[in-house]
Amino acid sequence: MPLNGNGWTPKNVTRFIQSLGTTAGTARVDTDLGEGFIKVLGNPEGPHILACELVGSLLADWIGLPTLDFALIEVGADDEIPLLNSGNAAVGPAFISRAEPTQVSLGAGP
C-alpha cells in the first residue's frame, strides 16, 4: 500500500538519471513505475534527513495539504546511484517522490 494513498508504489530503481546539488544528495532516477527523486542512505546529511522527509510528508498528507506521491523504496547492491560530491548511495531503504511534469511560463506578451 502506498504511504499517501495515491497508488504509487515503485519497487525497483531501473536507471540512474542525474545527481542534484542538494544537501540531501538527491538524485533523479527511473523506477518500474516512472521517474522520481530519491533521497538515500549515504547522503551528506545523514540518515535522519530521510526520517524527516517521511514524517513531514506523512503529516502534510494527513492534515490535507497537497503532496507529491511518495514511497519508500529499497536501494540494492546492484543499484549504482552516484551522489554529487559524496560517493554512491548506500544499500537500504530510501525515500522517493514521483517526478511531476513541469510547465514553464514565459509571461504575458506586450
Protein backbone atom coordinates (compact mmCIF):
# COMPACT_ATOMS: atom_id res chain seq x y z
CA MET A 1 0.00 0.00 0.00
CA PRO A 2 1.35 3.45 -0.86
CA LEU A 3 2.17 5.73 2.04
CA ASN A 4 -0.05 8.60 0.95
CA GLY A 5 -2.93 6.70 -0.66
CA ASN A 6 -2.30 7.78 -4.25
CA GLY A 7 -1.41 4.33 -5.55
CA TRP A 8 2.24 4.94 -6.46
CA THR A 9 4.40 2.10 -5.14
CA PRO A 10 7.61 1.68 -7.12
CA LYS A 11 9.59 -1.44 -6.27
CA ASN A 12 12.88 -1.06 -8.15
CA VAL A 13 15.26 1.61 -9.36
CA THR A 14 15.83 0.79 -13.01
CA ARG A 15 18.14 3.63 -14.12
CA PHE A 16 20.12 6.50 -12.67
CA ILE A 17 19.41 9.80 -14.46
CA GLN A 18 21.08 12.70 -12.63
CA SER A 19 22.66 13.71 -9.33
CA LEU A 20 21.40 17.03 -7.98
CA GLY A 21 23.45 19.50 -5.97
CA THR A 22 21.27 19.40 -2.85
CA THR A 23 22.37 18.99 0.76
CA ALA A 24 20.38 15.74 0.89
CA GLY A 25 22.23 14.26 -2.08
CA THR A 26 19.01 13.91 -4.07
CA ALA A 27 19.15 12.06 -7.40
CA ARG A 28 16.69 11.69 -10.25
CA VAL A 29 16.11 8.04 -11.10
CA ASP A 30 13.79 5.93 -13.19
CA THR A 31 11.78 3.19 -11.45
CA ASP A 32 9.49 0.40 -12.55
CA LEU A 33 6.65 2.98 -12.22
CA GLY A 34 8.26 6.06 -13.74
CA GLU A 35 10.73 8.75 -12.74
CA GLY A 36 11.26 10.01 -9.23
CA PHE A 37 13.56 12.00 -6.96
CA ILE A 38 15.29 9.75 -4.44
CA LYS A 39 16.98 10.50 -1.13
CA VAL A 40 19.21 7.66 0.00
CA LEU A 41 21.33 6.41 2.85
CA GLY A 42 24.89 7.59 2.47
CA ASN A 43 23.82 11.17 1.75
CA PRO A 44 25.93 14.03 3.19
CA GLU A 45 23.31 14.99 5.81
CA GLY A 46 22.97 11.52 7.35
CA PRO A 47 20.07 9.09 7.75
CA HIS A 48 17.90 11.40 9.86
CA ILE A 49 17.09 13.50 6.79
CA LEU A 50 15.19 10.52 5.34
CA ALA A 51 13.09 10.25 8.51
CA CYS A 52 12.38 13.99 8.44
CA GLU A 53 11.26 13.77 4.80
CA LEU A 54 8.97 10.83 5.55
CA VAL A 55 7.42 12.28 8.72
CA GLY A 56 6.95 15.72 7.16
CA SER A 57 5.30 14.27 4.06
CA LEU A 58 3.05 11.96 6.09
CA LEU A 59 1.95 14.83 8.35
CA ALA A 60 1.26 17.13 5.39
CA ASP A 61 -0.83 14.43 3.71
CA TRP A 62 -2.64 13.62 6.97
CA ILE A 63 -3.77 17.22 7.54
CA GLY A 64 -4.85 17.56 3.93
CA LEU A 65 -2.02 19.55 2.37
CA PRO A 66 -1.21 18.63 -1.21
CA THR A 67 1.88 16.44 -1.52
CA LEU A 68 3.67 14.71 -4.33
CA ASP A 69 3.20 10.96 -4.45
CA PHE A 70 5.89 9.39 -2.27
CA ALA A 71 7.01 5.97 -1.16
CA LEU A 72 9.82 4.01 0.43
CA ILE A 73 11.96 2.01 -1.97
CA GLU A 74 14.85 -0.36 -1.38
CA VAL A 75 18.22 0.51 -2.91
CA GLY A 76 20.05 -2.71 -3.71
CA ALA A 77 23.72 -3.56 -4.10
CA ASP A 78 23.32 -3.54 -7.91
CA ASP A 79 21.80 -0.03 -7.98
CA GLU A 80 24.52 2.46 -8.85
CA ILE A 81 23.33 5.88 -7.73
CA PRO A 82 26.20 8.37 -7.59
CA LEU A 83 25.72 11.31 -5.25
CA LEU A 84 27.19 14.65 -6.24
CA ASN A 85 30.47 15.12 -4.31
CA SER A 86 29.81 12.32 -1.81
CA GLY A 87 30.28 8.86 -3.30
CA ASN A 88 27.44 6.43 -4.02
CA ALA A 89 24.13 5.65 -2.39
CA ALA A 90 24.30 3.05 0.37
CA VAL A 91 22.22 -0.12 0.29
CA GLY A 92 18.99 0.14 2.24
CA PRO A 93 15.68 1.98 2.37
CA ALA A 94 15.28 5.29 0.57
CA PHE A 95 12.59 7.97 0.29
CA ILE A 96 11.31 8.71 -3.22
CA SER A 97 8.88 11.29 -4.60
CA ARG A 98 7.29 10.85 -8.01
CA ALA A 99 8.56 13.29 -10.65
CA GLU A 100 5.83 15.51 -12.00
CA PRO A 101 5.83 17.22 -15.38
CA THR A 102 6.68 20.91 -15.15
CA GLN A 103 5.46 23.85 -17.16
CA VAL A 104 7.47 26.96 -17.78
CA SER A 105 5.50 30.18 -18.05
CA LEU A 106 7.19 32.84 -20.12
CA GLY A 107 4.72 35.51 -19.00
CA ALA A 108 2.27 37.57 -20.98
CA GLY A 109 3.44 39.33 -24.07
CA PRO A 110 3.05 43.10 -24.70
